[in-house]
Amino acid sequence: MSDSEILLKAAINRIAARITEKVINSAQEFTEIADELPQKLQNEWSSFKEEVIEESERLEKDTNASKEKSSKEQLSKEDLIQIQIDNLRSKVIDINKDIEGKN
């Protein structure tokens, strides 16, 4: 084998080794991300549920405070808001059940 053939073969071997190393590192990083993803999603979902519940409680308090100061017309608007809050709570509970069922 000539010197140029040896040099070319050495270059090809090193390129292949580097590509292999990069692929292995990328696969390991992907595996780590995939392992962490369910927990991150669960944490985000829990955080979102807490935010929705807190917001619905805030809206409910605002609604209750307004009801005391409102006329009958305002009471009907607040009833609609309460219905919306109840519907949101129901949807959050259903979504949570679906997610927990998939885990």
PDB file of N, CA and C in Angstrom:
ATOM      1  N   MET A   1       0.850  -1.167   0.000  1.00  0.00           N
ATOM      2  CA  MET A   1       0.000   0.000   0.000  1.00  0.00           C
ATOM      3  C   MET A   1       0.903   1.239   0.000  1.00  0.00           C
ATOM      4  N   SER A   2       0.557   2.207  -0.830  1.00  0.00           N
ATOM      5  CA  SER A   2       1.380   3.414  -0.923  1.00  0.00           C
ATOM      6  C   SER A   2       1.074   4.353   0.238  1.00  0.00           C
ATOM      7  N   ASP A   3       1.970   5.309   0.410  1.00  0.00           N
ATOM      8  CA  ASP A   3       1.787   6.277   1.503  1.00  0.00           C
ATOM      9  C   ASP A   3       0.475   7.050   1.367  1.00  0.00           C
ATOM     10  N   SER A   4       0.103   7.438   0.165  1.00  0.00           N
ATOM     11  CA  SER A   4      -1.136   8.196  -0.024  1.00  0.00           C
ATOM     12  C   SER A   4      -2.358   7.320   0.271  1.00  0.00           C
ATOM     13  N   GLU A   5      -2.287   6.016  -0.075  1.00  0.00           N
ATOM     14  CA  GLU A   5      -3.392   5.122   0.250  1.00  0.00           C
ATOM     15  C   GLU A   5      -3.527   4.941   1.760  1.00  0.00           C
ATOM     16  N   ILE A   6      -2.393   4.813   2.422  1.00  0.00           N
ATOM     17  CA  ILE A   6      -2.401   4.671   3.883  1.00  0.00           C
ATOM     18  C   ILE A   6      -2.970   5.929   4.529  1.00  0.00           C
ATOM     19  N   LEU A   7      -2.540   7.089   4.046  1.00  0.00           N
ATOM     20  CA  LEU A   7      -3.022   8.362   4.572  1.00  0.00           C
ATOM     21  C   LEU A   7      -4.533   8.500   4.351  1.00  0.00           C
ATOM     22  N   LEU A   8      -5.002   8.138   3.166  1.00  0.00           N
ATOM     23  CA  LEU A   8      -6.429   8.205   2.862  1.00  0.00           C
ATOM     24  C   LEU A   8      -7.216   7.239   3.749  1.00  0.00           C
ATOM     25  N   LYS A   9      -6.718   6.018   3.913  1.00  0.00           N
ATOM     26  CA  LYS A   9      -7.403   5.041   4.761  1.00  0.00           C
ATOM     27  C   LYS A   9      -7.429   5.514   6.217  1.00  0.00           C
ATOM     28  N   ALA A  10      -6.337   6.120   6.687  1.00  0.00           N
ATOM     29  CA  ALA A  10      -6.280   6.643   8.053  1.00  0.00           C
ATOM     30  C   ALA A  10      -7.306   7.763   8.232  1.00  0.00           C
ATOM     31  N   ALA A  11      -7.409   8.637   7.242  1.00  0.00           N
ATOM     32  CA  ALA A  11      -8.375   9.744   7.316  1.00  0.00           C
ATOM     33  C   ALA A  11      -9.802   9.195   7.354  1.00  0.00           C
ATOM     34  N   ILE A  12     -10.093   8.206   6.526  1.00  0.00           N
ATOM     35  CA  ILE A  12     -11.428   7.601   6.505  1.00  0.00           C
ATOM     36  C   ILE A  12     -11.731   6.926   7.832  1.00  0.00           C
ATOM     37  N   ASN A  13     -10.759   6.207   8.390  1.00  0.00           N
ATOM     38  CA  ASN A  13     -10.954   5.556   9.689  1.00  0.00           C
ATOM     39  C   ASN A  13     -11.253   6.571  10.785  1.00  0.00           C
ATOM     40  N   ARG A  14     -10.533   7.679  10.791  1.00  0.00           N
ATOM     41  CA  ARG A  14     -10.740   8.699  11.824  1.00  0.00           C
ATOM     42  C   ARG A  14     -12.096   9.382  11.660  1.00  0.00           C
ATOM     43  N   ILE A  15     -12.481   9.650  10.411  1.00  0.00           N
ATOM     44  CA  ILE A  15     -13.798  10.256  10.166  1.00  0.00           C
ATOM     45  C   ILE A  15     -14.894   9.309  10.642  1.00  0.00           C
ATOM     46  N   ALA A  16     -14.764   8.036  10.328  1.00  0.00           N
ATOM     47  CA  ALA A  16     -15.751   7.046  10.762  1.00  0.00           C
ATOM     48  C   ALA A  16     -15.804   6.970  12.284  1.00  0.00           C
ATOM     49  N   ALA A  17     -14.639   7.012  12.934  1.00  0.00           N
ATOM     50  CA  ALA A  17     -14.587   6.948  14.394  1.00  0.00           C
ATOM     51  C   ALA A  17     -15.269   8.173  15.007  1.00  0.00           C
ATOM     52  N   ARG A  18     -15.005   9.344  14.443  1.00  0.00           N
ATOM     53  CA  ARG A  18     -15.631  10.567  14.971  1.00  0.00           C
ATOM     54  C   ARG A  18     -17.143  10.552  14.772  1.00  0.00           C
ATOM     55  N   ILE A  19     -17.580  10.118  13.608  1.00  0.00           N
ATOM     56  CA  ILE A  19     -19.025  10.044  13.347  1.00  0.00           C
ATOM     57  C   ILE A  19     -19.676   9.064  14.300  1.00  0.00           C
ATOM     58  N   THR A  20     -19.043   7.919  14.500  1.00  0.00           N
ATOM     59  CA  THR A  20     -19.573   6.920  15.431  1.00  0.00           C
ATOM     60  C   THR A  20     -19.670   7.483  16.834  1.00  0.00           C
ATOM     61  N   GLU A  21     -18.629   8.191  17.269  1.00  0.00           N
ATOM     62  CA  GLU A  21     -18.630   8.799  18.602  1.00  0.00           C
ATOM     63  C   GLU A  21     -19.752   9.824  18.738  1.00  0.00           C
ATOM     64  N   LYS A  22     -19.948  10.641  17.709  1.00  0.00           N
ATOM     65  CA  LYS A  22     -21.014  11.645  17.743  1.00  0.00           C
ATOM     66  C   LYS A  22     -22.387  10.989  17.790  1.00  0.00           C
ATOM     67  N   VAL A  23     -22.568   9.925  17.029  1.00  0.00           N
ATOM     68  CA  VAL A  23     -23.849   9.222  17.020  1.00  0.00           C
ATOM     69  C   VAL A  23     -24.117   8.607  18.392  1.00  0.00           C
ATOM     70  N   ILE A  24     -23.102   8.006  18.993  1.00  0.00           N
ATOM     71  CA  ILE A  24     -23.263   7.399  20.321  1.00  0.00           C
ATOM     72  C   ILE A  24     -23.599   8.472  21.349  1.00  0.00           C
ATOM     73  N   ASN A  25     -22.885   9.593  21.313  1.00  0.00           N
ATOM     74  CA  ASN A  25     -23.162  10.685  22.254  1.00  0.00           C
ATOM     75  C   ASN A  25     -24.570  11.239  22.052  1.00  0.00           C
ATOM     76  N   SER A  26     -24.972  11.399  20.807  1.00  0.00           N
ATOM     77  CA  SER A  26     -26.318  11.906  20.527  1.00  0.00           C
ATOM     78  C   SER A  26     -27.382  10.929  21.014  1.00  0.00           C
ATOM     79  N   ALA A  27     -27.150   9.646  20.833  1.00  0.00           N
ATOM     80  CA  ALA A  27     -28.099   8.636  21.299  1.00  0.00           C
ATOM     81  C   ALA A  27     -28.199   8.654  22.821  1.00  0.00           C
ATOM     82  N   GLN A  28     -27.075   8.827  23.494  1.00  0.00           N
ATOM     83  CA  GLN A  28     -27.092   8.897  24.953  1.00  0.00           C
ATOM     84  C   GLN A  28     -27.844  10.137  25.427  1.00  0.00           C
ATOM     85  N   GLU A  29     -27.619  11.276  24.789  1.00  0.00           N
ATOM     86  CA  GLU A  29     -28.323  12.498  25.152  1.00  0.00           C
ATOM     87  C   GLU A  29     -29.824  12.346  24.906  1.00  0.00           C
ATOM     88  N   PHE A  30     -30.174  11.732  23.785  1.00  0.00           N
ATOM     89  CA  PHE A  30     -31.579  11.520  23.480  1.00  0.00           C
ATOM     90  C   PHE A  30     -32.223  10.605  24.519  1.00  0.00           C
ATOM     91  N   THR A  31     -31.516   9.582  24.926  1.00  0.00           N
ATOM     92  CA  THR A  31     -32.029   8.663  25.941  1.00  0.00           C
ATOM     93  C   THR A  31     -32.258   9.388  27.258  1.00  0.00           C
ATOM     94  N   GLU A  32     -31.321  10.242  27.649  1.00  0.00           N
ATOM     95  CA  GLU A  32     -31.479  11.013  28.882  1.00  0.00           C
ATOM     96  C   GLU A  32     -32.694  11.929  28.803  1.00  0.00           C
ATOM     97  N   ILE A  33     -32.848  12.590  27.672  1.00  0.00           N
ATOM     98  CA  ILE A  33     -33.997  13.484  27.486  1.00  0.00           C
ATOM     99  C   ILE A  33     -35.292  12.678  27.523  1.00  0.00           C
ATOM    100  N   ALA A  34     -35.306  11.544  26.855  1.00  0.00           N
ATOM    101  CA  ALA A  34     -36.504  10.703  26.819  1.00  0.00           C
ATOM    102  C   ALA A  34     -36.842  10.174  28.217  1.00  0.00           C
ATOM    103  N   ASP A  35     -35.822   9.891  29.020  1.00  0.00           N
ATOM    104  CA  ASP A  35     -36.056   9.414  30.382  1.00  0.00           C
ATOM    105  C   ASP A  35     -36.645  10.510  31.262  1.00  0.00           C
ATOM    106  N   GLU A  36     -36.208  11.743  31.053  1.00  0.00           N
ATOM    107  CA  GLU A  36     -36.658  12.864  31.877  1.00  0.00           C
ATOM    108  C   GLU A  36     -38.013  13.422  31.416  1.00  0.00           C
ATOM    109  N   LEU A  37     -38.365  13.202  30.186  1.00  0.00           N
ATOM    110  CA  LEU A  37     -39.557  13.821  29.605  1.00  0.00           C
ATOM    111  C   LEU A  37     -40.850  13.500  30.356  1.00  0.00           C
ATOM    112  N   PRO A  38     -41.145  12.248  30.689  1.00  0.00           N
ATOM    113  CA  PRO A  38     -42.405  11.991  31.403  1.00  0.00           C
ATOM    114  C   PRO A  38     -42.510  12.754  32.722  1.00  0.00           C
ATOM    115  N   GLN A  39     -41.423  12.820  33.464  1.00  0.00           N
ATOM    116  CA  GLN A  39     -41.455  13.538  34.739  1.00  0.00           C
ATOM    117  C   GLN A  39     -41.650  15.038  34.514  1.00  0.00           C
ATOM    118  N   LYS A  40     -40.980  15.576  33.508  1.00  0.00           N
ATOM    119  CA  LYS A  40     -41.146  16.994  33.196  1.00  0.00           C
ATOM    120  C   LYS A  40     -42.584  17.295  32.776  1.00  0.00           C
ATOM    121  N   LEU A  41     -43.153  16.426  31.955  1.00  0.00           N
ATOM    122  CA  LEU A  41     -44.535  16.622  31.540  1.00  0.00           C
ATOM    123  C   LEU A  41     -45.481  16.542  32.734  1.00  0.00           C
ATOM    124  N   GLN A  42     -45.243  15.575  33.611  1.00  0.00           N
ATOM    125  CA  GLN A  42     -46.087  15.437  34.799  1.00  0.00           C
ATOM    126  C   GLN A  42     -45.973  16.686  35.680  1.00  0.00           C
ATOM    127  N   ASN A  43     -44.744  17.192  35.848  1.00  0.00           N
ATOM    128  CA  ASN A  43     -44.539  18.399  36.659  1.00  0.00           C
ATOM    129  C   ASN A  43     -45.254  19.602  36.039  1.00  0.00           C
ATOM    130  N   GLU A  44     -45.121  19.753  34.735  1.00  0.00           N
ATOM    131  CA  GLU A  44     -45.784  20.860  34.050  1.00  0.00           C
ATOM    132  C   GLU A  44     -47.298  20.730  34.154  1.00  0.00           C
ATOM    133  N   TRP A  45     -47.807  19.519  34.002  1.00  0.00           N
ATOM    134  CA  TRP A  45     -49.242  19.296  34.100  1.00  0.00           C
ATOM    135  C   TRP A  45     -49.735  19.618  35.501  1.00  0.00           C
ATOM    136  N   SER A  46     -49.008  19.176  36.510  1.00  0.00           N
ATOM    137  CA  SER A  46     -49.394  19.468  37.897  1.00  0.00           C
ATOM    138  C   SER A  46     -49.386  20.969  38.155  1.00  0.00           C
ATOM    139  N   SER A  47     -48.355  21.622  37.667  1.00  0.00           N
ATOM    140  CA  SER A  47     -48.264  23.069  37.832  1.00  0.00           C
ATOM    141  C   SER A  47     -49.434  23.768  37.140  1.00  0.00           C
ATOM    142  N   PHE A  48     -49.762  23.329  35.942  1.00  0.00           N
ATOM    143  CA  PHE A  48     -50.877  23.916  35.206  1.00  0.00           C
ATOM    144  C   PHE A  48     -52.193  23.717  35.954  1.00  0.00           C
ATOM    145  N   LYS A  49     -52.411  22.493  36.463  1.00  0.00           N
ATOM    146  CA  LYS A  49     -53.642  22.221  37.209  1.00  0.00           C
ATOM    147  C   LYS A  49     -53.736  23.134  38.425  1.00  0.00           C
ATOM    148  N   GLU A  50     -52.637  23.306  39.145  1.00  0.00           N
ATOM    149  CA  GLU A  50     -52.653  24.184  40.318  1.00  0.00           C
ATOM    150  C   GLU A  50     -52.981  25.612  39.923  1.00  0.00           C
ATOM    151  N   GLU A  51     -52.403  26.083  38.819  1.00  0.00           N
ATOM    152  CA  GLU A  51     -52.685  27.438  38.350  1.00  0.00           C
ATOM    153  C   GLU A  51     -54.165  27.596  37.987  1.00  0.00           C
ATOM    154  N   VAL A  52     -54.719  26.606  37.319  1.00  0.00           N
ATOM    155  CA  VAL A  52     -56.127  26.665  36.921  1.00  0.00           C
ATOM    156  C   VAL A  52     -57.014  26.675  38.163  1.00  0.00           C
ATOM    157  N   ILE A  53     -56.707  25.827  39.119  1.00  0.00           N
ATOM    158  CA  ILE A  53     -57.509  25.771  40.346  1.00  0.00           C
ATOM    159  C   ILE A  53     -57.410  27.090  41.103  1.00  0.00           C
ATOM    160  N   GLU A  54     -56.194  27.633  41.223  1.00  0.00           N
ATOM    161  CA  GLU A  54     -56.034  28.919  41.902  1.00  0.00           C
ATOM    162  C   GLU A  54     -56.797  30.020  41.190  1.00  0.00           C
ATOM    163  N   GLU A  55     -56.721  30.016  39.870  1.00  0.00           N
ATOM    164  CA  GLU A  55     -57.441  31.036  39.097  1.00  0.00           C
ATOM    165  C   GLU A  55     -58.946  30.872  39.259  1.00  0.00           C
ATOM    166  N   SER A  56     -59.423  29.630  39.238  1.00  0.00           N
ATOM    167  CA  SER A  56     -60.859  29.419  39.410  1.00  0.00           C
ATOM    168  C   SER A  56     -61.302  29.842  40.806  1.00  0.00           C
ATOM    169  N   GLU A  57     -60.465  29.600  41.815  1.00  0.00           N
ATOM    170  CA  GLU A  57     -60.804  30.047  43.172  1.00  0.00           C
ATOM    171  C   GLU A  57     -60.826  31.571  43.252  1.00  0.00           C
ATOM    172  N   ARG A  58     -59.877  32.210  42.576  1.00  0.00           N
ATOM    173  CA  ARG A  58     -59.849  33.669  42.550  1.00  0.00           C
ATOM    174  C   ARG A  58     -61.108  34.205  41.872  1.00  0.00           C
ATOM    175  N   LEU A  59     -61.438  33.598  40.746  1.00  0.00           N
ATOM    176  CA  LEU A  59     -62.647  34.023  40.039  1.00  0.00           C
ATOM    177  C   LEU A  59     -63.888  33.785  40.883  1.00  0.00           C
ATOM    178  N   GLU A  60     -63.896  32.665  41.583  1.00  0.00           N
ATOM    179  CA  GLU A  60     -65.041  32.356  42.442  1.00  0.00           C
ATOM    180  C   GLU A  60     -65.159  33.384  43.567  1.00  0.00           C
ATOM    181  N   LYS A  61     -64.034  33.771  44.170  1.00  0.00           N
ATOM    182  CA  LYS A  61     -64.056  34.786  45.226  1.00  0.00           C
ATOM    183  C   LYS A  61     -64.534  36.121  44.672  1.00  0.00           C
ATOM    184  N   ASP A  62     -63.992  36.480  43.494  1.00  0.00           N
ATOM    185  CA  ASP A  62     -64.435  37.726  42.860  1.00  0.00           C
ATOM    186  C   ASP A  62     -65.920  37.670  42.549  1.00  0.00           C
ATOM    187  N   THR A  63     -66.355  36.521  42.083  1.00  0.00           N
ATOM    188  CA  THR A  63     -67.766  36.340  41.761  1.00  0.00           C
ATOM    189  C   THR A  63     -68.618  36.461  43.011  1.00  0.00           C
ATOM    190  N   ASN A  64     -68.187  35.829  44.084  1.00  0.00           N
ATOM    191  CA  ASN A  64     -68.952  35.889  45.330  1.00  0.00           C
ATOM    192  C   ASN A  64     -69.001  37.313  45.888  1.00  0.00           C
ATOM    193  N   ALA A  65     -67.878  38.016  45.805  1.00  0.00           N
ATOM    194  CA  ALA A  65     -67.848  39.397  46.281  1.00  0.00           C
ATOM    195  C   ALA A  65     -68.763  40.276  45.437  1.00  0.00           C
ATOM    196  N   SER A  66     -68.765  40.043  44.151  1.00  0.00           N
ATOM    197  CA  SER A  66     -69.617  40.816  43.257  1.00  0.00           C
ATOM    198  C   SER A  66     -71.086  40.506  43.473  1.00  0.00           C
ATOM    199  N   LYS A  67     -71.376  39.246  43.793  1.00  0.00           N
ATOM    200  CA  LYS A  67     -72.770  38.851  44.013  1.00  0.00           C
ATOM    201  C   LYS A  67     -73.387  39.636  45.162  1.00  0.00           C
ATOM    202  N   GLU A  68     -72.611  39.870  46.179  1.00  0.00           N
ATOM    203  CA  GLU A  68     -73.130  40.589  47.337  1.00  0.00           C
ATOM    204  C   GLU A  68     -73.474  42.029  46.996  1.00  0.00           C
ATOM    205  N   LYS A  69     -72.763  42.603  46.020  1.00  0.00           N
ATOM    206  CA  LYS A  69     -72.949  43.999  45.666  1.00  0.00           C
ATOM    207  C   LYS A  69     -73.806  44.176  44.417  1.00  0.00           C
ATOM    208  N   SER A  70     -74.228  43.097  43.810  1.00  0.00           N
ATOM    209  CA  SER A  70     -74.843  43.154  42.488  1.00  0.00           C
ATOM    210  C   SER A  70     -76.358  43.149  42.535  1.00  0.00           C
ATOM    211  N   SER A  71     -76.891  43.541  41.404  1.00  0.00           N
ATOM    212  CA  SER A  71     -78.331  43.406  41.194  1.00  0.00           C
ATOM    213  C   SER A  71     -78.619  42.012  40.662  1.00  0.00           C
ATOM    214  N   LYS A  72     -79.905  41.705  40.395  1.00  0.00           N
ATOM    215  CA  LYS A  72     -80.256  40.386  39.885  1.00  0.00           C
ATOM    216  C   LYS A  72     -79.618  40.128  38.520  1.00  0.00           C
ATOM    217  N   GLU A  73     -79.486  41.158  37.698  1.00  0.00           N
ATOM    218  CA  GLU A  73     -78.857  40.998  36.390  1.00  0.00           C
ATOM    219  C   GLU A  73     -77.411  40.572  36.533  1.00  0.00           C
ATOM    220  N   GLN A  74     -76.686  41.197  37.459  1.00  0.00           N
ATOM    221  CA  GLN A  74     -75.284  40.838  37.685  1.00  0.00           C
ATOM    222  C   GLN A  74     -75.188  39.431  38.267  1.00  0.00           C
ATOM    223  N   LEU A  75     -76.149  39.043  39.078  1.00  0.00           N
ATOM    224  CA  LEU A  75     -76.139  37.697  39.639  1.00  0.00           C
ATOM    225  C   LEU A  75     -76.224  36.655  38.525  1.00  0.00           C
ATOM    226  N   SER A  76     -77.016  36.902  37.521  1.00  0.00           N
ATOM    227  CA  SER A  76     -77.129  35.935  36.434  1.00  0.00           C
ATOM    228  C   SER A  76     -75.814  35.846  35.660  1.00  0.00           C
ATOM    229  N   LYS A  77     -75.114  36.965  35.483  1.00  0.00           N
ATOM    230  CA  LYS A  77     -73.812  36.946  34.823  1.00  0.00           C
ATOM    231  C   LYS A  77     -72.813  36.157  35.662  1.00  0.00           C
ATOM    232  N   GLU A  78     -72.862  36.345  36.957  1.00  0.00           N
ATOM    233  CA  GLU A  78     -71.956  35.617  37.840  1.00  0.00           C
ATOM    234  C   GLU A  78     -72.278  34.136  37.851  1.00  0.00           C
ATOM    235  N   ASP A  79     -73.543  33.795  37.721  1.00  0.00           N
ATOM    236  CA  ASP A  79     -73.922  32.385  37.617  1.00  0.00           C
ATOM    237  C   ASP A  79     -73.304  31.768  36.364  1.00  0.00           C
ATOM    238  N   LEU A  80     -73.294  32.519  35.269  1.00  0.00           N
ATOM    239  CA  LEU A  80     -72.678  32.023  34.036  1.00  0.00           C
ATOM    240  C   LEU A  80     -71.174  31.822  34.230  1.00  0.00           C
ATOM    241  N   ILE A  81     -70.549  32.751  34.921  1.00  0.00           N
ATOM    242  CA  ILE A  81     -69.120  32.620  35.208  1.00  0.00           C
ATOM    243  C   ILE A  81     -68.866  31.381  36.055  1.00  0.00           C
ATOM    244  N   GLN A  82     -69.703  31.175  37.057  1.00  0.00           N
ATOM    245  CA  GLN A  82     -69.549  29.997  37.925  1.00  0.00           C
ATOM    246  C   GLN A  82     -69.722  28.708  37.119  1.00  0.00           C
ATOM    247  N   ILE A  83     -70.673  28.713  36.212  1.00  0.00           N
ATOM    248  CA  ILE A  83     -70.874  27.540  35.354  1.00  0.00           C
ATOM    249  C   ILE A  83     -69.621  27.291  34.512  1.00  0.00           C
ATOM    250  N   GLN A  84     -69.041  28.366  33.989  1.00  0.00           N
ATOM    251  CA  GLN A  84     -67.813  28.221  33.211  1.00  0.00           C
ATOM    252  C   GLN A  84     -66.685  27.666  34.076  1.00  0.00           C
ATOM    253  N   ILE A  85     -66.579  28.148  35.287  1.00  0.00           N
ATOM    254  CA  ILE A  85     -65.550  27.649  36.213  1.00  0.00           C
ATOM    255  C   ILE A  85     -65.773  26.166  36.481  1.00  0.00           C
ATOM    256  N   ASP A  86     -66.998  25.804  36.754  1.00  0.00           N
ATOM    257  CA  ASP A  86     -67.318  24.393  37.008  1.00  0.00           C
ATOM    258  C   ASP A  86     -66.997  23.532  35.795  1.00  0.00           C
ATOM    259  N   ASN A  87     -67.303  24.043  34.602  1.00  0.00           N
ATOM    260  CA  ASN A  87     -66.983  23.301  33.383  1.00  0.00           C
ATOM    261  C   ASN A  87     -65.480  23.137  33.221  1.00  0.00           C
ATOM    262  N   LEU A  88     -64.720  24.196  33.492  1.00  0.00           N
ATOM    263  CA  LEU A  88     -63.258  24.113  33.408  1.00  0.00           C
ATOM    264  C   LEU A  88     -62.713  23.100  34.404  1.00  0.00           C
ATOM    265  N   ARG A  89     -63.233  23.133  35.618  1.00  0.00           N
ATOM    266  CA  ARG A  89     -62.786  22.164  36.627  1.00  0.00           C
ATOM    267  C   ARG A  89     -63.060  20.743  36.151  1.00  0.00           C
ATOM    268  N   SER A  90     -64.219  20.538  35.592  1.00  0.00           N
ATOM    269  CA  SER A  90     -64.583  19.213  35.104  1.00  0.00           C
ATOM    270  C   SER A  90     -63.642  18.769  33.988  1.00  0.00           C
ATOM    271  N   LYS A  91     -63.331  19.677  33.080  1.00  0.00           N
ATOM    272  CA  LYS A  91     -62.421  19.347  31.986  1.00  0.00           C
ATOM    273  C   LYS A  91     -61.025  19.031  32.515  1.00  0.00           C
ATOM    274  N   VAL A  92     -60.544  19.804  33.486  1.00  0.00           N
ATOM    275  CA  VAL A  92     -59.230  19.558  34.078  1.00  0.00           C
ATOM    276  C   VAL A  92     -59.205  18.185  34.737  1.00  0.00           C
ATOM    277  N   ILE A  93     -60.260  17.841  35.442  1.00  0.00           N
ATOM    278  CA  ILE A  93     -60.340  16.525  36.091  1.00  0.00           C
ATOM    279  C   ILE A  93     -60.322  15.420  35.037  1.00  0.00           C
ATOM    280  N   ASP A  94     -61.074  15.587  33.944  1.00  0.00           N
ATOM    281  CA  ASP A  94     -61.105  14.585  32.883  1.00  0.00           C
ATOM    282  C   ASP A  94     -59.743  14.427  32.222  1.00  0.00           C
ATOM    283  N   ILE A  95     -59.088  15.544  31.937  1.00  0.00           N
ATOM    284  CA  ILE A  95     -57.762  15.496  31.319  1.00  0.00           C
ATOM    285  C   ILE A  95     -56.775  14.828  32.255  1.00  0.00           C
ATOM    286  N   ASN A  96     -56.858  15.148  33.534  1.00  0.00           N
ATOM    287  CA  ASN A  96     -55.963  14.542  34.517  1.00  0.00           C
ATOM    288  C   ASN A  96     -56.158  13.029  34.563  1.00  0.00           C
ATOM    289  N   LYS A  97     -57.420  12.586  34.531  1.00  0.00           N
ATOM    290  CA  LYS A  97     -57.697  11.152  34.525  1.00  0.00           C
ATOM    291  C   LYS A  97     -57.113  10.490  33.288  1.00  0.00           C
ATOM    292  N   ASP A  98     -57.236  11.158  32.136  1.00  0.00           N
ATOM    293  CA  ASP A  98     -56.680  10.608  30.902  1.00  0.00           C
ATOM    294  C   ASP A  98     -55.161  10.471  30.992  1.00  0.00           C
ATOM    295  N   ILE A  99     -54.512  11.497  31.508  1.00  0.00           N
ATOM    296  CA  ILE A  99     -53.048  11.470  31.616  1.00  0.00           C
ATOM    297  C   ILE A  99     -52.605  10.411  32.607  1.00  0.00           C
ATOM    298  N   GLU A 100     -53.269  10.345  33.746  1.00  0.00           N
ATOM    299  CA  GLU A 100     -52.903   9.348  34.751  1.00  0.00           C
ATOM    300  C   GLU A 100     -53.184   7.942  34.233  1.00  0.00           C
ATOM    301  N   GLY A 101     -54.192   7.788  33.402  1.00  0.00           N
ATOM    302  CA  GLY A 101     -54.490   6.489  32.829  1.00  0.00           C
ATOM    303  C   GLY A 101     -53.428   6.045  31.849  1.00  0.00           C
ATOM    304  N   LYS A 102     -52.790   6.994  31.186  1.00  0.00           N
ATOM    305  CA  LYS A 102     -51.736   6.670  30.218  1.00  0.00           C
ATOM    306  C   LYS A 102     -50.428   6.357  30.900  1.00  0.00           C
ATOM    307  N   ASN A 103     -50.250   6.848  32.132  1.00  0.00           N
ATOM    308  CA  ASN A 103     -49.004   6.564  32.857  1.00  0.00           C
ATOM    309  C   ASN A 103     -49.166   5.233  33.472  1.00  0.00           C
TER     310      ASN A 103
END
